[in-house]
Amino acid sequence: MARDVWFETVAIAQERAKKRLPKSAYSSLISASEKGLTVSDNVAAFSELGFAPHVVGAPANREMATTVMGQEISMPVMISPTGVQAVDPDGEVAVARAAAARGTAMGLSSFASKPMEEVIAANPKTFFQIYWLGGRDAIAERVERARAAGAVGMIATTDWSFSHGRDWGSPTIPEKMDLKTMVKMMPEALTRPGWFLRWAKTLRPPTLRVPNQAGRGEAGPPFFQAYGEWMGTPPPTWEDIAWLRELWGGPFMLKGVMRVDDAKRAVDCGVSAISVSNHGGNNLDGTPAAIRALPAIAEAVGDQIEVLLDGGIRRGSDVVKAVALGARAVMIGRAYLWGLGAAGQPGVENVLDILRGGIDSALMGLGRASVHDLTPSDILIPAGFSRALGVPAADAG
């Protein structure tokens, strides 16, 4: 990557994205629910955790590779599914290529701006994420399309209560990108000439359709139409999750688990993995940081299924803290979206390189030869840090 676009931290990637993207596009990358208590705690909680380093005997080489639901990845970091990545013309395809170039897996959203077939072709280690939208027949059609496209696993996301009502206002997202909308938004786009010219070269405006909610080769419904259908679909039951897991029949993750009792129900449903997650602070505000809920969940079910974490990852040392506290790997969201917004595919690769370098440095400092050697004893956990949700008071201590 050229030095004029290279950045050395995720924080700088965020600054670059803010400077490069139109205000409404950037706002969509930092949005969170209500007052933003949860999104703030996701990040702040990692700062409360410390390390117990060694000063002599560090291994000369450190191993970072692991597996997630049967897929080998070069480090315990994979791409979390996020919707409509139209901050860059190549969107999810650029992210998939970047992940493939750095040897890791891709999570692809149902609400993506690119067809699953294109994304999976760019990264064969792609897990397709599905929302409970439209009833079993419609869901089954999307599952079969993902299977035919070659998705290696399924991620079911159920943790969005639509409780957004942001104190600072919601980002401006038009319902459709027609001529009237383009004329209205042109002044904002022209304030970011580099971004505007990149899109102008494609001779097409950013898409607001979601092709993975339709049949292969179809444009898909507008985002807000699909969003409205999702809001109007009755939420799934545990029986629905078990049905979906059986229908897919392969590696299956339930994303959004924050309670021990829910984690145990997920095990009963036969899932391969769970992600301890609060939807990046976009679900019920006031929910604790995901890293606070991780230890109790990992202790309860970590010997039965794979436990991942997403929420608040900004550096490689955060990844190491999560793995030491019981996560198989982490999934990143805003971090790679800022990389995408800052510099497209090279920006996402840059973010992954930053995380890899930070993981390696933390392993060296801790005297660990592998991410698989990490234990809670490597971490300084202050009193009262963890949140054991969904545990009877007597068991929670």
Protein backbone atom coordinates (compact mmCIF):
# COMPACT_ATOMS: atom_id res chain seq x y z
CA MET A 1 0.00 0.00 0.00
CA ALA A 2 1.25 3.46 -0.90
CA ARG A 3 2.45 5.48 2.07
CA ASP A 4 0.02 8.30 1.29
CA VAL A 5 -2.96 6.05 2.05
CA TRP A 6 -1.41 3.68 4.59
CA PHE A 7 -2.43 4.07 8.23
CA GLU A 8 -0.99 2.49 11.35
CA THR A 9 -4.00 2.24 13.67
CA VAL A 10 -7.74 1.64 13.37
CA ALA A 11 -8.28 5.07 14.92
CA ILE A 12 -6.47 6.66 11.99
CA ALA A 13 -8.54 4.55 9.57
CA GLN A 14 -11.63 6.05 11.19
CA GLU A 15 -10.24 9.58 10.77
CA ARG A 16 -9.44 8.90 7.10
CA ALA A 17 -12.90 7.48 6.49
CA LYS A 18 -14.49 10.56 8.08
CA LYS A 19 -12.48 12.85 5.80
CA ARG A 20 -13.10 10.83 2.65
CA LEU A 21 -16.79 9.94 2.95
CA PRO A 22 -19.85 12.19 2.70
CA LYS A 23 -21.27 12.99 6.12
CA SER A 24 -24.33 10.75 5.75
CA ALA A 25 -22.21 7.79 4.60
CA TYR A 26 -19.76 8.18 7.47
CA SER A 27 -22.61 8.62 9.98
CA SER A 28 -23.96 5.22 8.99
CA LEU A 29 -20.64 3.65 10.08
CA ILE A 30 -20.76 5.02 13.62
CA SER A 31 -24.48 4.77 14.34
CA ALA A 32 -25.66 3.03 17.49
CA SER A 33 -28.79 2.78 19.63
CA GLU A 34 -30.29 5.57 21.73
CA LYS A 35 -27.69 7.24 23.97
CA GLY A 36 -24.82 5.02 22.76
CA LEU A 37 -24.09 3.53 26.19
CA THR A 38 -23.47 0.04 24.85
CA VAL A 39 -21.33 1.00 21.87
CA SER A 40 -19.16 3.09 24.20
CA ASP A 41 -18.86 0.29 26.76
CA ASN A 42 -17.89 -2.18 24.02
CA VAL A 43 -14.71 -0.17 23.46
CA ALA A 44 -14.08 1.13 26.99
CA ALA A 45 -14.32 -2.31 28.60
CA PHE A 46 -11.19 -3.50 26.80
CA SER A 47 -9.26 -0.63 28.37
CA GLU A 48 -10.17 -1.91 31.83
CA LEU A 49 -8.37 -5.19 31.14
CA GLY A 50 -4.62 -5.37 31.62
CA PHE A 51 -1.83 -7.82 30.82
CA ALA A 52 0.58 -9.84 32.98
CA PRO A 53 3.69 -9.84 30.74
CA HIS A 54 6.96 -11.73 30.92
CA VAL A 55 10.28 -10.00 30.21
CA VAL A 56 12.52 -13.00 29.39
CA GLY A 57 11.94 -16.13 27.35
CA ALA A 58 9.64 -14.79 24.66
CA PRO A 59 9.28 -17.28 21.79
CA ALA A 60 11.06 -16.37 18.57
CA ASN A 61 7.97 -17.21 16.50
CA ARG A 62 4.32 -16.89 17.37
CA GLU A 63 1.47 -18.92 15.85
CA MET A 64 -1.80 -17.13 15.20
CA ALA A 65 -3.69 -19.56 12.96
CA THR A 66 -6.90 -21.18 14.19
CA THR A 67 -10.15 -22.60 12.85
CA VAL A 68 -13.72 -21.33 12.99
CA MET A 69 -16.51 -23.78 12.20
CA GLY A 70 -14.11 -25.93 10.22
CA GLN A 71 -12.47 -23.11 8.26
CA GLU A 72 -8.76 -22.49 8.72
CA ILE A 73 -7.95 -18.82 9.22
CA SER A 74 -4.58 -17.14 9.58
CA MET A 75 -5.44 -15.39 12.85
CA PRO A 76 -8.38 -15.34 15.26
CA VAL A 77 -10.08 -12.49 13.39
CA MET A 78 -12.82 -12.75 10.78
CA ILE A 79 -15.18 -10.36 9.05
CA SER A 80 -18.53 -9.81 10.74
CA PRO A 81 -21.53 -9.41 8.41
CA THR A 82 -22.68 -5.81 8.03
CA GLY A 83 -25.32 -4.47 5.68
CA VAL A 84 -25.07 -2.36 2.52
CA GLN A 85 -21.34 -1.62 2.32
CA ALA A 86 -21.87 0.90 -0.48
CA VAL A 87 -19.33 3.33 1.00
CA ASP A 88 -17.10 1.90 -1.76
CA PRO A 89 -18.17 0.81 -5.27
CA ASP A 90 -16.80 -2.71 -4.75
CA GLY A 91 -18.44 -2.99 -1.33
CA GLU A 92 -18.60 -6.52 0.06
CA VAL A 93 -16.57 -7.91 -2.84
CA ALA A 94 -13.65 -5.66 -1.87
CA VAL A 95 -13.94 -6.80 1.75
CA ALA A 96 -14.09 -10.46 0.70
CA ARG A 97 -10.98 -10.08 -1.45
CA ALA A 98 -9.14 -8.36 1.38
CA ALA A 99 -10.08 -11.10 3.83
CA ALA A 100 -8.99 -13.77 1.35
CA ALA A 101 -5.70 -11.97 0.74
CA ARG A 102 -5.03 -12.04 4.48
CA GLY A 103 -6.17 -15.61 4.92
CA THR A 104 -9.36 -15.15 6.86
CA ALA A 105 -13.09 -15.76 6.53
CA MET A 106 -15.89 -13.47 5.41
CA GLY A 107 -19.30 -13.00 7.00
CA LEU A 108 -21.82 -11.78 4.40
CA SER A 109 -25.02 -9.99 5.40
CA SER A 110 -28.48 -10.73 4.00
CA PHE A 111 -28.65 -6.97 3.57
CA ALA A 112 -25.43 -6.75 1.56
CA SER A 113 -25.23 -4.60 -1.55
CA LYS A 114 -23.51 -7.35 -3.58
CA PRO A 115 -24.90 -10.74 -4.61
CA MET A 116 -23.68 -13.66 -2.53
CA GLU A 117 -22.39 -15.43 -5.65
CA GLU A 118 -19.93 -12.60 -6.37
CA VAL A 119 -18.77 -12.42 -2.76
CA ILE A 120 -18.30 -16.16 -2.35
CA ALA A 121 -16.34 -16.25 -5.63
CA ALA A 122 -14.03 -13.60 -4.15
CA ASN A 123 -13.62 -15.51 -0.88
CA PRO A 124 -14.63 -19.19 -0.74
CA LYS A 125 -14.48 -19.02 3.08
CA THR A 126 -17.74 -17.09 3.28
CA PHE A 127 -20.41 -17.60 5.92
CA PHE A 128 -23.84 -16.33 4.88
CA GLN A 129 -25.75 -14.41 7.54
CA ILE A 130 -29.51 -14.65 7.60
CA TYR A 131 -32.22 -12.73 9.41
CA TRP A 132 -35.58 -14.20 10.35
CA LEU A 133 -37.48 -12.40 7.62
CA GLY A 134 -40.58 -13.38 5.67
CA GLY A 135 -41.48 -16.76 7.14
CA ARG A 136 -40.06 -20.25 6.73
CA ASP A 137 -40.70 -20.66 3.00
CA ALA A 138 -38.89 -17.44 2.08
CA ILE A 139 -36.07 -18.22 4.50
CA ALA A 140 -35.69 -21.72 3.04
CA GLU A 141 -35.30 -20.22 -0.45
CA ARG A 142 -32.44 -18.00 0.74
CA VAL A 143 -30.82 -20.92 2.54
CA GLU A 144 -30.87 -23.02 -0.64
CA ARG A 145 -29.48 -20.15 -2.68
CA ALA A 146 -26.60 -19.80 -0.19
CA ARG A 147 -25.98 -23.54 -0.36
CA ALA A 148 -25.89 -23.48 -4.17
CA ALA A 149 -23.55 -20.47 -4.13
CA GLY A 150 -21.05 -22.36 -1.98
CA ALA A 151 -21.38 -20.70 1.42
CA VAL A 152 -19.38 -22.71 3.97
CA GLY A 153 -21.61 -21.92 6.91
CA MET A 154 -24.67 -20.06 8.15
CA ILE A 155 -24.89 -17.24 10.69
CA ALA A 156 -28.31 -16.52 12.20
CA THR A 157 -28.66 -13.02 13.65
CA THR A 158 -31.62 -12.41 15.94
CA ASP A 159 -30.38 -9.65 18.27
CA TRP A 160 -31.94 -6.49 16.91
CA SER A 161 -34.88 -5.00 18.78
CA PHE A 162 -35.17 -1.91 16.49
CA SER A 163 -34.50 0.25 19.55
CA HIS A 164 -32.39 2.86 17.78
CA GLY A 165 -33.92 6.33 18.50
CA ARG A 166 -30.46 7.91 18.47
CA ASP A 167 -29.96 10.99 20.64
CA TRP A 168 -27.76 12.54 17.95
CA GLY A 169 -30.15 11.65 15.13
CA SER A 170 -30.09 8.88 12.57
CA PRO A 171 -27.94 9.00 9.42
CA THR A 172 -29.60 10.23 6.26
CA ILE A 173 -30.29 7.20 4.08
CA PRO A 174 -32.59 7.76 1.08
CA GLU A 175 -35.29 5.21 0.32
CA LYS A 176 -34.18 4.95 -3.31
CA MET A 177 -31.41 6.35 -5.47
CA ASP A 178 -33.39 7.99 -8.29
CA LEU A 179 -32.53 11.16 -10.20
CA LYS A 180 -34.34 13.40 -7.70
CA THR A 181 -32.39 11.87 -4.80
CA MET A 182 -29.06 12.13 -6.64
CA VAL A 183 -29.65 15.83 -7.38
CA LYS A 184 -30.59 16.45 -3.75
CA MET A 185 -27.49 14.70 -2.41
CA MET A 186 -25.06 16.05 -5.01
CA PRO A 187 -23.85 19.02 -2.91
CA GLU A 188 -22.89 16.65 -0.07
CA ALA A 189 -21.13 14.26 -2.46
CA LEU A 190 -19.15 17.08 -4.07
CA THR A 191 -17.64 17.99 -0.71
CA ARG A 192 -15.76 14.67 -0.99
CA PRO A 193 -14.37 14.82 -4.55
CA GLY A 194 -12.15 11.74 -4.22
CA TRP A 195 -15.07 9.58 -3.14
CA PHE A 196 -17.35 11.15 -5.76
CA LEU A 197 -14.91 10.53 -8.61
CA ARG A 198 -14.44 6.90 -7.61
CA TRP A 199 -18.16 6.38 -7.91
CA ALA A 200 -18.42 8.55 -11.06
CA LYS A 201 -15.97 6.24 -12.85
CA THR A 202 -18.40 3.35 -12.38
CA LEU A 203 -21.17 5.30 -14.18
CA ARG A 204 -23.68 4.14 -11.57
CA PRO A 205 -24.84 5.52 -8.20
CA PRO A 206 -24.52 3.66 -4.89
CA THR A 207 -27.11 0.89 -4.74
CA LEU A 208 -29.67 0.77 -1.98
CA ARG A 209 -31.05 -2.60 -3.02
CA VAL A 210 -30.40 -5.88 -1.25
CA PRO A 211 -29.92 -8.60 -3.89
CA ASN A 212 -29.61 -11.45 -1.39
CA GLN A 213 -33.26 -11.04 -0.41
CA ALA A 214 -34.33 -12.10 -3.91
CA GLY A 215 -33.62 -14.87 -6.39
CA ARG A 216 -30.25 -15.21 -8.09
CA GLY A 217 -29.79 -12.59 -10.78
CA GLU A 218 -32.55 -10.33 -9.43
CA ALA A 219 -31.87 -6.78 -8.24
CA GLY A 220 -33.58 -7.40 -4.92
CA PRO A 221 -35.94 -5.11 -3.03
CA PRO A 222 -34.98 -1.65 -1.81
CA PHE A 223 -33.31 -1.70 1.60
CA PHE A 224 -36.20 -0.10 3.44
CA GLN A 225 -38.74 -2.45 1.88
CA ALA A 226 -36.76 -5.46 3.11
CA TYR A 227 -36.20 -3.73 6.46
CA GLY A 228 -39.94 -3.17 6.82
CA GLU A 229 -40.67 -6.82 6.03
CA TRP A 230 -38.15 -7.84 8.66
CA MET A 231 -39.78 -5.61 11.27
CA GLY A 232 -43.16 -7.07 10.36
CA THR A 233 -42.07 -10.70 10.67
CA PRO A 234 -42.78 -12.28 14.07
CA PRO A 235 -39.47 -12.94 15.88
CA PRO A 236 -38.17 -16.52 15.78
CA THR A 237 -38.64 -19.03 18.57
CA TRP A 238 -36.06 -21.53 19.76
CA GLU A 239 -37.95 -24.10 17.72
CA ASP A 240 -37.43 -21.90 14.65
CA ILE A 241 -33.70 -21.72 15.32
CA ALA A 242 -33.52 -25.51 15.62
CA TRP A 243 -35.47 -25.84 12.36
CA LEU A 244 -33.13 -23.44 10.57
CA ARG A 245 -30.06 -25.22 11.90
CA GLU A 246 -31.42 -28.57 10.71
CA LEU A 247 -32.43 -27.13 7.33
CA TRP A 248 -28.93 -25.82 6.73
CA GLY A 249 -27.31 -28.99 7.99
CA GLY A 250 -23.77 -27.61 8.08
CA PRO A 251 -21.73 -25.28 10.31
CA PHE A 252 -24.18 -22.92 12.01
CA MET A 253 -23.62 -19.92 14.29
CA LEU A 254 -26.16 -18.07 16.42
CA LYS A 255 -25.03 -14.46 16.69
CA GLY A 256 -26.09 -12.10 19.46
CA VAL A 257 -25.90 -14.23 22.59
CA MET A 258 -25.29 -12.27 25.81
CA ARG A 259 -26.71 -14.63 28.46
CA VAL A 260 -25.60 -17.99 29.81
CA ASP A 261 -29.14 -19.41 29.68
CA ASP A 262 -29.45 -18.41 26.01
CA ALA A 263 -26.05 -19.96 25.29
CA LYS A 264 -27.24 -23.24 26.81
CA ARG A 265 -30.44 -23.12 24.75
CA ALA A 266 -28.32 -22.60 21.66
CA VAL A 267 -26.34 -25.74 22.52
CA ASP A 268 -29.62 -27.63 22.86
CA CYS A 269 -30.58 -26.44 19.35
CA GLY A 270 -27.44 -28.05 17.95
CA VAL A 271 -25.54 -24.94 16.84
CA SER A 272 -21.86 -25.19 15.98
CA ALA A 273 -20.95 -21.81 17.43
CA ILE A 274 -22.28 -18.67 19.08
CA SER A 275 -21.05 -15.12 18.94
CA VAL A 276 -21.20 -13.18 22.19
CA SER A 277 -22.48 -9.91 20.77
CA ASN A 278 -24.77 -6.95 21.36
CA HIS A 279 -24.95 -6.08 17.66
CA GLY A 280 -22.16 -3.56 18.00
CA GLY A 281 -24.28 -1.40 20.28
CA ASN A 282 -27.14 -1.36 17.76
CA ASN A 283 -29.52 -3.46 19.83
CA LEU A 284 -30.90 -2.67 23.29
CA ASP A 285 -28.90 0.24 24.69
CA GLY A 286 -27.69 -0.38 28.22
CA THR A 287 -26.66 -3.94 27.43
CA PRO A 288 -23.14 -4.53 28.82
CA ALA A 289 -20.08 -4.77 26.60
CA ALA A 290 -19.78 -8.15 24.95
CA ILE A 291 -16.35 -8.76 26.52
CA ARG A 292 -17.92 -8.46 29.99
CA ALA A 293 -20.36 -11.28 29.20
CA LEU A 294 -17.77 -13.52 27.52
CA PRO A 295 -16.09 -15.24 30.52
CA ALA A 296 -19.28 -16.64 32.04
CA ILE A 297 -20.59 -17.85 28.67
CA ALA A 298 -17.27 -19.41 27.67
CA GLU A 299 -17.08 -21.20 31.00
CA ALA A 300 -20.63 -22.52 30.65
CA VAL A 301 -20.55 -23.81 27.05
CA GLY A 302 -17.03 -23.37 25.68
CA ASP A 303 -16.33 -27.10 25.95
CA GLN A 304 -19.41 -27.92 23.83
CA ILE A 305 -19.44 -25.36 21.03
CA GLU A 306 -17.17 -22.67 19.62
CA VAL A 307 -17.55 -19.28 21.27
CA LEU A 308 -16.70 -16.11 19.33
CA LEU A 309 -17.00 -12.45 20.26
CA ASP A 310 -17.78 -9.28 18.38
CA GLY A 311 -18.05 -5.71 19.58
CA GLY A 312 -15.40 -3.11 20.40
CA ILE A 313 -12.35 -4.67 18.71
CA ARG A 314 -10.00 -1.85 17.73
CA ARG A 315 -6.50 -3.39 18.07
CA GLY A 316 -4.69 -6.70 18.14
CA SER A 317 -4.35 -6.60 21.92
CA ASP A 318 -8.16 -6.56 22.15
CA VAL A 319 -8.22 -9.79 20.14
CA VAL A 320 -5.71 -11.38 22.53
CA LYS A 321 -7.79 -10.34 25.55
CA ALA A 322 -10.89 -11.91 24.05
CA VAL A 323 -9.12 -15.16 23.17
CA ALA A 324 -7.55 -15.36 26.64
CA LEU A 325 -11.01 -15.02 28.19
CA GLY A 326 -12.46 -17.86 26.17
CA ALA A 327 -13.18 -16.78 22.60
CA ARG A 328 -12.10 -18.98 19.69
CA ALA A 329 -11.87 -15.85 17.54
CA VAL A 330 -13.40 -12.39 17.14
CA MET A 331 -15.47 -10.82 14.40
CA ILE A 332 -14.82 -7.21 13.44
CA GLY A 333 -17.33 -4.73 12.04
CA ARG A 334 -16.69 -0.99 12.26
CA ALA A 335 -12.91 -1.47 12.10
CA TYR A 336 -12.93 -2.93 8.59
CA LEU A 337 -15.74 -0.62 7.44
CA TRP A 338 -13.54 2.35 8.33
CA GLY A 339 -10.72 0.72 6.34
CA LEU A 340 -13.09 0.25 3.40
CA GLY A 341 -14.27 3.84 3.64
CA ALA A 342 -10.72 5.15 3.92
CA ALA A 343 -9.09 3.27 1.05
CA GLY A 344 -11.26 0.48 -0.37
CA GLN A 345 -9.85 -3.05 -0.46
CA PRO A 346 -6.30 -1.94 0.49
CA GLY A 347 -7.78 -0.18 3.52
CA VAL A 348 -9.43 -3.38 4.73
CA GLU A 349 -6.16 -5.26 4.22
CA ASN A 350 -4.42 -2.51 6.18
CA VAL A 351 -6.82 -2.96 9.11
CA LEU A 352 -6.27 -6.72 9.13
CA ASP A 353 -2.50 -6.17 9.07
CA ILE A 354 -2.79 -3.80 12.04
CA LEU A 355 -4.68 -6.41 14.03
CA ARG A 356 -2.25 -9.16 13.09
CA GLY A 357 0.71 -7.05 14.18
CA GLY A 358 -0.97 -6.24 17.48
CA ILE A 359 -1.75 -9.89 18.16
CA ASP A 360 1.86 -10.84 17.49
CA SER A 361 3.18 -8.10 19.79
CA ALA A 362 0.85 -9.11 22.62
CA LEU A 363 1.77 -12.79 22.29
CA MET A 364 5.45 -11.88 22.44
CA GLY A 365 4.98 -9.72 25.52
CA LEU A 366 3.03 -12.46 27.26
CA GLY A 367 5.62 -15.08 26.38
CA ARG A 368 3.08 -17.16 24.49
CA ALA A 369 4.04 -19.15 21.39
CA SER A 370 0.47 -19.50 20.14
CA VAL A 371 -2.97 -18.00 20.51
CA HIS A 372 -3.99 -21.46 21.74
CA ASP A 373 -1.72 -21.03 24.77
CA LEU A 374 -3.54 -17.97 26.08
CA THR A 375 -5.38 -18.29 29.40
CA PRO A 376 -7.22 -15.93 31.78
CA SER A 377 -4.03 -15.78 33.87
CA ASP A 378 -2.53 -13.61 31.13
CA ILE A 379 -5.16 -10.94 31.80
CA LEU A 380 -5.62 -8.58 34.75
CA ILE A 381 -9.36 -8.51 35.36
CA PRO A 382 -10.56 -5.86 37.81
CA ALA A 383 -13.17 -6.73 40.41
CA GLY A 384 -16.68 -6.35 39.12
CA PHE A 385 -15.63 -6.38 35.47
CA SER A 386 -17.55 -9.43 34.27
CA ARG A 387 -21.31 -9.68 33.85
CA ALA A 388 -22.74 -13.18 34.30
CA LEU A 389 -26.13 -12.65 32.68
CA GLY A 390 -28.75 -15.36 32.76
CA VAL A 391 -27.17 -17.20 35.69
CA PRO A 392 -29.06 -17.92 38.94
CA ALA A 393 -27.81 -15.60 41.69
CA ALA A 394 -26.47 -18.50 43.73
CA ASP A 395 -24.39 -19.75 40.78
CA ALA A 396 -23.17 -16.28 39.80
CA GLY A 397 -21.40 -15.86 43.14
